[in-house]
């Protein structure tokens, strides 16, 4: 390790950027996180941390269950609008197979826990990174609050619309619209439980998700096939029109929503993979590197994996070793993340079909899928994370085969 403390500048205080900052900080780096938002916010939605993300957190010694709790629903799966299950998995069985169950929590709870693991002065709110000059030599980080010189490493965790991706990959085709929009909100905990399972319900070009969070709140999301930019005048009326006659507890949950707390975003992914995730001393991470649709619930999980791999490869790297470490990061991450991006896009196309015959065929195919095949598909996601040298840390439980 270099006698002079190495310095990393992270553009973006999302889940990936904060995880990378924590990983580097625990390996002795000084970190500066620049975040364009004026401060931390409780506004947001839920995130489901799959076993692969929890395992990645384990490699950096970060246990999110201490902050979020470990309450998990008894089952998870897919349903039809009439309530019939298309597929269902027992959470205890998933935990036995993969070393622990998925953990659902509010994004702000995760962000707060990660921020608390950093020095108080590490995060600079209200500071947006606009560009990085001389990434191959001595990077100069340009921000709207002035320049930052002397960084040994710059991490572009600046989101799906990444300015740094556009700067260094000007010929990349950019984003691809999936054809869907999504609404998201989090409900307060109810006096009596209204959701005991994590379920996504598939209709004709419409989906509705119910995810109990570890703290007792309930994360709701819905998607619909609509043109990009579609925004209803009254979100409550829109959601009730689309989903108000679906199975319980959806109607009751919709009655509880606060329209002002409902987020709506059109769903995009990268139109094509980036050729690499690094340039000199600059690395891309999370949505900035491999934006994907949320159909597999892996967007945030892959950002956590990115951060764990970066921290591992840079742990013992001196300042002069950073470019080689980032090249190894690209080699370790590009293939896995792009395979998941493509798989998520395909899954979304299947889920979003609108023709009645296509819907019937889709539902029949899901119901007829053998448990073994479904298990192998999950294993490709949940067991797919390892560090480049093949080491692995299981954060909770003990995996069995």
Protein backbone atom coordinates (compact mmCIF):
# COMPACT_ATOMS: atom_id res chain seq x y z
CA UNK A 1 0.00 0.00 0.00
CA UNK A 2 1.21 3.48 -0.80
CA UNK A 3 2.52 5.56 2.10
CA UNK A 4 0.39 8.44 0.82
CA UNK A 5 -3.33 7.89 1.32
CA UNK A 6 -5.07 7.27 -1.98
CA UNK A 7 -8.02 9.50 -2.89
CA UNK A 8 -11.17 8.50 -4.79
CA UNK A 9 -13.85 10.86 -6.03
CA UNK A 10 -17.27 9.29 -6.51
CA UNK A 11 -19.83 11.03 -8.73
CA UNK A 12 -23.22 10.16 -7.29
CA UNK A 13 -24.51 9.13 -3.85
CA UNK A 14 -26.89 6.44 -5.03
CA UNK A 15 -26.69 2.87 -3.79
CA UNK A 16 -23.78 1.94 -6.07
CA UNK A 17 -21.76 5.07 -5.40
CA UNK A 18 -22.18 4.85 -1.64
CA UNK A 19 -21.35 1.15 -1.60
CA UNK A 20 -18.18 1.80 -3.59
CA UNK A 21 -17.25 4.60 -1.21
CA UNK A 22 -17.73 2.34 1.83
CA UNK A 23 -15.69 -0.45 0.21
CA UNK A 24 -12.80 1.88 -0.58
CA UNK A 25 -12.96 3.63 2.79
CA UNK A 26 -12.65 0.27 4.55
CA UNK A 27 -9.57 -0.45 2.45
CA UNK A 28 -7.87 2.76 3.57
CA UNK A 29 -8.87 5.14 0.79
CA UNK A 30 -9.95 8.72 1.37
CA UNK A 31 -13.25 9.17 -0.42
CA UNK A 32 -15.15 12.23 -1.61
CA UNK A 33 -18.70 11.62 -2.79
CA UNK A 34 -20.26 14.39 -4.87
CA UNK A 35 -24.06 14.33 -4.99
CA UNK A 36 -26.14 16.79 -6.98
CA UNK A 37 -29.13 16.58 -4.59
CA UNK A 38 -29.18 19.16 -1.82
CA UNK A 39 -29.26 16.48 0.87
CA UNK A 40 -30.42 13.01 1.78
CA UNK A 41 -34.11 12.44 1.14
CA UNK A 42 -36.73 10.05 2.46
CA UNK A 43 -38.55 10.21 -0.87
CA UNK A 44 -38.11 7.10 -2.95
CA UNK A 45 -39.18 3.53 -3.29
CA UNK A 46 -38.24 0.09 -2.16
CA UNK A 47 -35.36 -2.10 -3.19
CA UNK A 48 -35.10 -5.86 -2.97
CA UNK A 49 -31.59 -7.04 -2.15
CA UNK A 50 -31.25 -10.51 -3.62
CA UNK A 51 -28.84 -13.05 -2.10
CA UNK A 52 -26.11 -12.08 -4.57
CA UNK A 53 -26.23 -8.45 -3.39
CA UNK A 54 -26.21 -9.49 0.27
CA UNK A 55 -23.21 -11.70 -0.47
CA UNK A 56 -21.47 -8.77 -2.17
CA UNK A 57 -22.15 -6.59 0.88
CA UNK A 58 -20.62 -9.36 2.97
CA UNK A 59 -17.33 -9.09 1.09
CA UNK A 60 -16.94 -5.50 2.27
CA UNK A 61 -18.03 -6.30 5.83
CA UNK A 62 -21.31 -4.39 5.59
CA UNK A 63 -24.37 -5.98 7.22
CA UNK A 64 -27.49 -4.12 6.13
CA UNK A 65 -29.69 -6.31 8.34
CA UNK A 66 -28.42 -4.39 11.37
CA UNK A 67 -30.07 -1.25 10.03
CA UNK A 68 -33.05 -2.74 8.23
CA UNK A 69 -34.03 -5.78 10.25
CA UNK A 70 -34.60 -9.23 8.79
CA UNK A 71 -38.39 -9.54 8.57
CA UNK A 72 -39.22 -11.31 5.32
CA UNK A 73 -42.49 -12.54 3.78
CA UNK A 74 -43.29 -16.23 3.78
CA UNK A 75 -43.49 -16.55 0.00
CA UNK A 76 -42.85 -14.76 -3.26
CA UNK A 77 -44.10 -15.32 -6.78
CA UNK A 78 -46.30 -14.40 -9.74
CA UNK A 79 -50.11 -14.09 -9.80
CA UNK A 80 -52.94 -13.42 -12.22
CA UNK A 81 -55.37 -10.50 -11.73
CA UNK A 82 -57.93 -12.96 -10.31
CA UNK A 83 -55.42 -13.94 -7.62
CA UNK A 84 -54.46 -17.37 -8.92
CA UNK A 85 -50.76 -18.10 -8.45
CA UNK A 86 -48.76 -18.72 -11.61
CA UNK A 87 -45.64 -19.58 -9.64
CA UNK A 88 -44.75 -19.43 -5.99
CA UNK A 89 -41.56 -20.00 -4.01
CA UNK A 90 -41.26 -20.55 -0.29
CA UNK A 91 -38.91 -17.99 1.26
CA UNK A 92 -37.47 -20.51 3.71
CA UNK A 93 -36.55 -22.78 0.79
CA UNK A 94 -34.84 -19.88 -0.96
CA UNK A 95 -32.90 -19.09 2.19
CA UNK A 96 -31.75 -22.71 2.49
CA UNK A 97 -30.70 -22.81 -1.16
CA UNK A 98 -28.94 -19.46 -1.41
CA UNK A 99 -27.69 -18.78 2.11
CA UNK A 100 -30.35 -16.24 3.00
CA UNK A 101 -33.64 -14.81 1.77
CA UNK A 102 -33.96 -11.64 -0.29
CA UNK A 103 -34.26 -8.55 1.90
CA UNK A 104 -36.66 -5.75 0.95
CA UNK A 105 -36.20 -2.29 2.42
CA UNK A 106 -36.70 1.36 1.64
CA UNK A 107 -33.94 2.80 -0.52
CA UNK A 108 -33.49 5.69 1.89
CA UNK A 109 -32.86 3.25 4.77
CA UNK A 110 -30.12 1.57 2.76
CA UNK A 111 -28.62 4.89 1.68
CA UNK A 112 -28.67 6.17 5.28
CA UNK A 113 -26.94 3.04 6.55
CA UNK A 114 -24.23 3.30 3.89
CA UNK A 115 -23.72 7.01 4.53
CA UNK A 116 -23.38 6.32 8.26
CA UNK A 117 -20.48 3.97 7.46
CA UNK A 118 -18.51 6.89 5.94
CA UNK A 119 -16.71 9.80 7.61
CA UNK A 120 -19.05 12.71 8.25
CA UNK A 121 -17.27 14.92 5.70
CA UNK A 122 -17.12 12.35 2.90
CA UNK A 123 -20.38 13.27 1.17
CA UNK A 124 -20.73 16.69 -0.44
CA UNK A 125 -24.38 17.38 -1.17
CA UNK A 126 -25.42 19.98 -3.71
CA UNK A 127 -22.30 19.32 -5.80
CA UNK A 128 -22.83 17.91 -9.30
CA UNK A 129 -19.93 16.43 -11.29
CA UNK A 130 -20.16 17.82 -14.80
CA UNK A 131 -17.09 16.31 -16.46
CA UNK A 132 -13.71 14.68 -15.84
CA UNK A 133 -10.65 15.83 -17.73
CA UNK A 134 -7.44 13.83 -18.28
CA UNK A 135 -8.86 10.53 -17.04
CA UNK A 136 -5.78 8.76 -18.45
CA UNK A 137 -3.32 10.84 -16.46
CA UNK A 138 -4.14 13.06 -13.48
CA UNK A 139 -7.93 13.40 -13.42
CA UNK A 140 -9.47 16.80 -12.81
CA UNK A 141 -13.06 16.47 -11.64
CA UNK A 142 -15.15 19.42 -12.80
CA UNK A 143 -18.14 20.25 -10.60
CA UNK A 144 -20.59 23.10 -10.44
CA UNK A 145 -18.94 24.05 -7.14
CA UNK A 146 -15.37 24.10 -8.46
CA UNK A 147 -12.68 21.66 -9.55
CA UNK A 148 -11.27 18.73 -7.58
CA UNK A 149 -7.64 17.93 -8.38
CA UNK A 150 -5.35 15.13 -7.30
CA UNK A 151 -7.74 12.16 -7.46
CA UNK A 152 -6.12 8.76 -7.91
CA UNK A 153 -9.48 7.34 -8.99
CA UNK A 154 -12.83 8.67 -10.20
CA UNK A 155 -15.98 6.54 -10.07
CA UNK A 156 -18.86 7.49 -12.35
CA UNK A 157 -21.92 6.39 -10.39
CA UNK A 158 -23.93 9.22 -11.89
CA UNK A 159 -26.98 7.27 -12.92
CA UNK A 160 -28.87 6.20 -16.00
CA UNK A 161 -28.39 9.58 -17.72
CA UNK A 162 -24.67 9.65 -16.82
CA UNK A 163 -22.98 12.81 -18.13
CA UNK A 164 -19.62 11.05 -17.79
CA UNK A 165 -20.82 8.17 -19.97
CA UNK A 166 -21.87 10.64 -22.65
CA UNK A 167 -18.53 12.46 -22.35
CA UNK A 168 -16.35 9.39 -22.86
CA UNK A 169 -18.62 7.30 -25.08
CA UNK A 170 -20.05 9.94 -27.44
CA UNK A 171 -20.84 7.38 -30.16
CA UNK A 172 -22.82 5.06 -27.89
CA UNK A 173 -26.51 4.90 -28.90
CA UNK A 174 -27.63 5.78 -25.37
CA UNK A 175 -30.88 4.61 -23.84
CA UNK A 176 -33.62 2.34 -25.16
CA UNK A 177 -37.24 2.86 -24.06
CA UNK A 178 -38.88 -0.40 -23.00
CA UNK A 179 -42.38 0.72 -23.97
CA UNK A 180 -43.50 0.86 -20.34
CA UNK A 181 -43.87 3.36 -17.54
CA UNK A 182 -43.73 2.56 -13.83
CA UNK A 183 -45.36 3.99 -10.72
CA UNK A 184 -43.76 3.41 -7.31
CA UNK A 185 -44.67 4.31 -3.75
CA UNK A 186 -44.22 3.10 -0.17
CA UNK A 187 -47.14 2.83 2.24
CA UNK A 188 -46.83 3.20 6.02
CA UNK A 189 -47.20 0.06 8.09
CA UNK A 190 -50.85 -0.82 8.60
CA UNK A 191 -52.46 -1.53 11.96
CA UNK A 192 -53.25 -5.00 10.65
CA UNK A 193 -51.28 -6.81 7.96
CA UNK A 194 -52.60 -6.48 4.41
CA UNK A 195 -49.73 -8.20 2.60
CA UNK A 196 -48.01 -11.38 3.68
CA UNK A 197 -46.25 -12.32 0.44
CA UNK A 198 -44.11 -10.62 -2.15
CA UNK A 199 -46.08 -10.92 -5.37
CA UNK A 200 -46.09 -9.50 -8.87
CA UNK A 201 -49.39 -9.79 -10.73
CA UNK A 202 -49.41 -9.97 -14.52
CA UNK A 203 -52.31 -8.72 -16.62
CA UNK A 204 -52.52 -7.60 -20.24
CA UNK A 205 -49.70 -5.10 -20.66
CA UNK A 206 -49.99 -4.22 -16.98
CA UNK A 207 -48.29 -5.44 -13.81
CA UNK A 208 -48.66 -4.73 -10.12
CA UNK A 209 -46.15 -5.56 -7.39
CA UNK A 210 -46.63 -5.81 -3.62
CA UNK A 211 -43.46 -6.07 -1.51
CA UNK A 212 -43.59 -6.06 2.31
CA UNK A 213 -40.51 -4.24 3.60
CA UNK A 214 -38.37 -5.30 6.52
CA UNK A 215 -39.61 -2.39 8.66
CA UNK A 216 -43.31 -3.19 8.19
CA UNK A 217 -44.01 -0.74 5.39
CA UNK A 218 -45.26 -1.92 1.99
CA UNK A 219 -43.61 -1.10 -1.31
CA UNK A 220 -45.99 -0.94 -4.27
CA UNK A 221 -45.11 -0.68 -7.93
CA UNK A 222 -47.10 -0.89 -11.14
CA UNK A 223 -46.20 -0.86 -14.82
CA UNK A 224 -48.19 -0.28 -17.98
CA UNK A 225 -47.47 -0.32 -21.70
CA UNK A 226 -47.85 3.34 -22.71
CA UNK A 227 -45.93 5.81 -24.89
CA UNK A 228 -42.87 7.50 -23.42
CA UNK A 229 -43.84 10.67 -21.58
CA UNK A 230 -47.37 9.55 -20.72
CA UNK A 231 -48.47 11.23 -17.49
CA UNK A 232 -52.04 10.92 -16.18
CA UNK A 233 -53.68 14.00 -14.74
CA UNK A 234 -54.87 12.09 -11.65
CA UNK A 235 -52.59 9.25 -10.59
CA UNK A 236 -55.03 7.76 -8.07
CA UNK A 237 -57.80 7.58 -10.66
CA UNK A 238 -55.38 6.09 -13.17
CA UNK A 239 -54.18 3.35 -10.83
CA UNK A 240 -57.68 2.49 -9.65
CA UNK A 241 -58.88 2.30 -13.27
CA UNK A 242 -56.10 -0.08 -14.21
CA UNK A 243 -55.77 -2.22 -11.08
CA UNK A 244 -58.75 -1.50 -8.82
CA UNK A 245 -60.60 -4.70 -9.74
CA UNK A 246 -57.58 -6.98 -9.30
CA UNK A 247 -57.26 -9.46 -6.46
CA UNK A 248 -56.92 -8.59 -2.79
CA UNK A 249 -55.09 -6.83 -1.24
CA UNK A 250 -54.48 -4.58 -4.28
CA UNK A 251 -57.74 -2.54 -4.09
CA UNK A 252 -57.29 -1.87 -0.37
CA UNK A 253 -53.67 -0.87 -0.86
CA UNK A 254 -54.59 1.53 -3.65
CA UNK A 255 -57.07 3.25 -1.34
CA UNK A 256 -54.19 4.04 1.01
CA UNK A 257 -51.82 5.69 -1.46
CA UNK A 258 -50.82 9.33 -1.21
CA UNK A 259 -50.77 10.59 -4.82
CA UNK A 260 -48.09 13.14 -3.92
CA UNK A 261 -45.79 10.31 -2.84
CA UNK A 262 -46.16 8.29 -6.05
CA UNK A 263 -43.11 8.38 -8.32
CA UNK A 264 -43.49 7.78 -12.06
CA UNK A 265 -40.63 6.97 -14.42
CA UNK A 266 -40.56 5.56 -17.91
CA UNK A 267 -38.46 2.39 -18.06
CA UNK A 268 -35.22 2.46 -20.03
CA UNK A 269 -32.12 0.36 -20.39
CA UNK A 270 -28.91 0.80 -22.37
CA UNK A 271 -29.51 0.30 -26.07
CA UNK A 272 -26.19 -1.55 -26.34
CA UNK A 273 -23.41 -2.55 -23.93
CA UNK A 274 -20.51 -0.24 -23.25
CA UNK A 275 -17.26 -1.57 -24.73
CA UNK A 276 -15.62 -1.34 -21.29
CA UNK A 277 -16.31 0.07 -17.83
CA UNK A 278 -13.09 2.05 -17.46
CA UNK A 279 -10.89 4.68 -19.03
CA UNK A 280 -7.54 5.27 -17.37
CA UNK A 281 -8.38 6.21 -13.79
CA UNK A 282 -12.12 6.56 -14.39
CA UNK A 283 -14.58 3.68 -13.83
CA UNK A 284 -18.31 3.43 -14.52
CA UNK A 285 -20.60 1.65 -12.10
CA UNK A 286 -24.30 0.75 -11.76
CA UNK A 287 -26.81 2.40 -14.08
CA UNK A 288 -24.08 4.59 -15.54
CA UNK A 289 -22.36 1.42 -16.79
CA UNK A 290 -25.18 -1.02 -17.52
CA UNK A 291 -28.64 0.46 -17.00
CA UNK A 292 -31.23 -2.32 -17.10
CA UNK A 293 -34.98 -2.59 -16.71
CA UNK A 294 -36.21 -3.70 -13.28
CA UNK A 295 -37.80 -6.93 -14.50
CA UNK A 296 -35.34 -9.18 -12.66
CA UNK A 297 -34.89 -6.88 -9.66
CA UNK A 298 -31.16 -6.76 -10.35
CA UNK A 299 -30.35 -3.13 -11.17
CA UNK A 300 -29.36 -2.12 -7.66
CA UNK A 301 -27.98 -5.58 -6.92
CA UNK A 302 -25.57 -5.37 -9.84
CA UNK A 303 -24.42 -1.93 -8.69
CA UNK A 304 -23.59 -3.46 -5.29
CA UNK A 305 -21.68 -6.26 -7.03
CA UNK A 306 -19.77 -3.66 -9.08
CA UNK A 307 -18.78 -1.80 -5.93
CA UNK A 308 -17.64 -4.95 -4.13
CA UNK A 309 -15.46 -6.00 -7.08
CA UNK A 310 -13.96 -2.51 -7.39
CA UNK A 311 -13.15 -2.40 -3.69
CA UNK A 312 -11.56 -5.84 -3.84
CA UNK A 313 -9.36 -5.05 -6.84
CA UNK A 314 -8.29 -1.67 -5.48
CA UNK A 315 -7.72 -2.82 -1.90
CA UNK A 316 -3.97 -3.23 -2.18
CA UNK A 317 -3.39 -1.14 -5.30
CA UNK A 318 -1.00 1.75 -5.08
CA UNK A 319 -1.78 4.95 -6.94
CA UNK A 320 0.22 3.75 -9.95
CA UNK A 321 -1.69 0.46 -10.08
CA UNK A 322 -5.16 1.97 -10.50
CA UNK A 323 -5.46 1.77 -14.32
CA UNK A 324 -4.56 -1.93 -14.31
CA UNK A 325 -7.02 -2.60 -11.48
CA UNK A 326 -9.79 -0.85 -13.41
CA UNK A 327 -9.01 -2.89 -16.52
CA UNK A 328 -9.43 -6.01 -14.37
CA UNK A 329 -12.73 -4.59 -13.11
CA UNK A 330 -13.99 -4.24 -16.69
CA UNK A 331 -12.93 -7.78 -17.46
CA UNK A 332 -14.72 -9.07 -14.37
CA UNK A 333 -17.99 -7.21 -14.78
CA UNK A 334 -18.86 -6.52 -18.43
CA UNK A 335 -20.09 -9.98 -19.46
CA UNK A 336 -22.20 -10.70 -16.37
CA UNK A 337 -23.93 -7.33 -16.27
CA UNK A 338 -24.73 -7.32 -19.98
CA UNK A 339 -26.14 -10.85 -19.85
CA UNK A 340 -28.46 -9.73 -17.05
CA UNK A 341 -29.38 -6.53 -18.93
CA UNK A 342 -30.42 -8.60 -21.97
CA UNK A 343 -32.24 -11.15 -19.82
CA UNK A 344 -34.16 -8.37 -18.03
CA UNK A 345 -35.23 -6.86 -21.36
CA UNK A 346 -36.50 -10.23 -22.59
CA UNK A 347 -38.35 -10.88 -19.35
CA UNK A 348 -40.04 -7.51 -19.65
CA UNK A 349 -41.23 -8.26 -23.17
CA UNK A 350 -42.81 -11.50 -21.98
CA UNK A 351 -44.46 -9.89 -18.97
CA UNK A 352 -45.83 -6.95 -20.99
CA UNK A 353 -47.68 -8.81 -23.76
CA UNK A 354 -51.14 -7.42 -24.46
CA UNK A 355 -52.92 -9.78 -26.86
CA UNK A 356 -55.32 -12.13 -24.98
CA UNK A 357 -54.00 -15.23 -26.72
CA UNK A 358 -50.40 -14.26 -26.00
CA UNK A 359 -51.30 -13.64 -22.35
CA UNK A 360 -52.94 -17.06 -22.08
CA UNK A 361 -49.92 -18.78 -23.63
CA UNK A 362 -47.54 -16.85 -21.37
CA UNK A 363 -49.46 -17.73 -18.21
CA UNK A 364 -49.67 -21.38 -19.19
CA UNK A 365 -45.93 -21.46 -19.87
CA UNK A 366 -45.14 -19.96 -16.47
CA UNK A 367 -47.39 -22.44 -14.67
CA UNK A 368 -45.88 -25.34 -16.61
CA UNK A 369 -42.25 -24.40 -15.92
CA UNK A 370 -40.66 -27.16 -13.80
CA UNK A 371 -39.43 -26.14 -10.39
CA UNK A 372 -35.93 -27.28 -11.32
CA UNK A 373 -35.78 -24.99 -14.32
CA UNK A 374 -37.00 -22.03 -12.28
CA UNK A 375 -34.41 -22.82 -9.63
CA UNK A 376 -31.60 -22.89 -12.17
CA UNK A 377 -32.71 -19.52 -13.53
CA UNK A 378 -32.56 -18.01 -10.04
CA UNK A 379 -29.21 -19.66 -9.37
CA UNK A 380 -27.69 -17.92 -12.38
CA UNK A 381 -28.53 -14.62 -10.69
CA UNK A 382 -28.16 -15.39 -7.01
CA UNK A 383 -25.11 -17.66 -7.22
CA UNK A 384 -23.44 -15.71 -10.01
CA UNK A 385 -21.46 -13.30 -7.85
CA UNK A 386 -17.86 -14.08 -7.01
CA UNK A 387 -14.84 -11.87 -6.59
CA UNK A 388 -12.26 -12.06 -9.42
CA UNK A 389 -10.02 -14.44 -7.48
CA UNK A 390 -12.96 -16.74 -6.81
CA UNK A 391 -13.39 -15.88 -3.13
CA UNK A 392 -16.85 -15.45 -1.71
CA UNK A 393 -18.36 -14.33 1.56
CA UNK A 394 -21.83 -15.50 2.60
CA UNK A 395 -23.38 -12.74 4.75
CA UNK A 396 -26.18 -14.70 6.39
CA UNK A 397 -26.75 -18.37 6.96
CA UNK A 398 -24.91 -21.18 5.25
CA UNK A 399 -25.70 -22.14 1.68
CA UNK A 400 -26.61 -25.71 0.97
CA UNK A 401 -26.68 -27.54 -2.30
